Every structure is written in structure tokens, then in C-alpha cells.
Amino acid sequence: MKRKTAKEILAESFRELAEKKDIDKITVKDITSNCGYSPATFYRQFSDKYDLIAWDYFKKAEFIVTNVGNNNYP
């Protein structure tokens, strides 16, 4: 089983918060508090929350493009 990276954990934290709160109201502190990371860890990975959002969408698009036509694609 593949271990999640800090980027993946931060993105997951953001998605959890986005289910309950408007995106413009979510802060870096909210994201890091939700997953137990420090803001310093966040800023080592991303420049801001919009950078995180862009990275997350890119990874999801990359997964789709890579797996289209495969039997394991959902």
C-alpha cells in the first residue's frame, strides 16, 4: 500500500473543509489544523491554498487521463 504524501494529506484536509465551508473562508491554518500539520509544512509544499487546489485538480485530471480505457477505471 502506498503511503500518502504531505501534499495528498493537505489536499484531503482541504476537500474535507470545503464540504462544510466556502472555499474563500478556508484558511491555511484551518487546513493544517484539520490534518495536524503546521503552517510551515503547508508552505513547504504549496505557496497558498489556490496552489493546493490547482495541484489537486491536476492530480485528479492526470489520474483520469492515465486510466481512461483501463479495466480498473471507476
Protein backbone atom coordinates (compact mmCIF):
# COMPACT_ATOMS: atom_id res chain seq x y z
CA MET A 1 0.00 0.00 0.00
CA LYS A 2 1.29 3.43 -0.95
CA ARG A 3 1.79 5.89 1.90
CA LYS A 4 0.15 9.30 1.44
CA THR A 5 2.40 12.29 0.86
CA ALA A 6 2.12 15.56 2.78
CA LYS A 7 0.60 17.13 -0.35
CA GLU A 8 -2.06 14.43 -0.53
CA ILE A 9 -2.90 14.78 3.16
CA LEU A 10 -3.16 18.56 2.91
CA ALA A 11 -5.37 18.28 -0.18
CA GLU A 12 -7.59 15.75 1.57
CA SER A 13 -7.88 18.12 4.53
CA PHE A 14 -8.86 20.97 2.22
CA ARG A 15 -11.52 18.83 0.50
CA GLU A 16 -13.00 17.86 3.89
CA LEU A 17 -13.24 21.51 4.89
CA ALA A 18 -14.68 22.52 1.51
CA GLU A 19 -17.63 20.21 2.13
CA LYS A 20 -18.62 22.34 5.13
CA LYS A 21 -17.30 25.81 4.36
CA ASP A 22 -16.99 28.20 1.40
CA ILE A 23 -13.57 27.97 -0.23
CA ASP A 24 -12.88 31.67 0.24
CA LYS A 25 -13.45 31.25 4.00
CA ILE A 26 -10.93 28.40 4.40
CA THR A 27 -7.53 29.47 5.69
CA VAL A 28 -4.16 27.74 5.66
CA LYS A 29 -4.50 27.50 9.44
CA ASP A 30 -7.84 25.68 9.00
CA ILE A 31 -6.27 23.23 6.55
CA THR A 32 -3.26 22.48 8.73
CA SER A 33 -5.24 22.26 11.97
CA ASN A 34 -7.65 19.82 10.36
CA CYS A 35 -4.87 17.35 9.50
CA GLY A 36 -2.43 18.05 12.33
CA TYR A 37 0.29 19.68 10.24
CA SER A 38 1.97 23.02 10.86
CA PRO A 39 1.62 26.01 8.54
CA ALA A 40 5.36 25.65 7.84
CA THR A 41 4.71 22.18 6.41
CA PHE A 42 1.95 23.62 4.23
CA TYR A 43 4.21 26.37 2.87
CA ARG A 44 6.98 23.86 2.09
CA GLN A 45 4.51 22.16 -0.24
CA PHE A 46 2.35 24.99 -1.61
CA SER A 47 2.57 28.76 -1.97
CA ASP A 48 -1.09 29.28 -0.97
CA LYS A 49 -4.44 27.47 -0.89
CA TYR A 50 -5.01 28.18 -4.58
CA ASP A 51 -1.75 26.43 -5.41
CA LEU A 52 -3.04 23.44 -3.42
CA ILE A 53 -6.36 23.50 -5.33
CA ALA A 54 -4.55 23.63 -8.68
CA TRP A 55 -2.26 20.75 -7.69
CA ASP A 56 -5.24 18.65 -6.53
CA TYR A 57 -7.18 19.20 -9.76
CA PHE A 58 -4.09 18.43 -11.84
CA LYS A 59 -3.55 15.13 -9.98
CA LYS A 60 -7.19 14.13 -10.49
CA ALA A 61 -7.06 15.01 -14.20
CA GLU A 62 -3.79 13.10 -14.55
CA PHE A 63 -5.41 10.03 -12.97
CA ILE A 64 -8.36 10.19 -15.36
CA VAL A 65 -6.20 10.62 -18.46
CA THR A 66 -3.88 7.82 -17.39
CA ASN A 67 -6.68 5.38 -16.62
CA VAL A 68 -9.25 6.01 -19.35
CA GLY A 69 -9.80 2.74 -21.14
CA ASN A 70 -8.31 0.61 -18.37
CA ASN A 71 -10.47 -2.04 -16.76
CA ASN A 72 -9.74 -0.63 -13.31
CA TYR A 73 -11.04 2.86 -14.13
CA PRO A 74 -14.14 3.55 -11.98
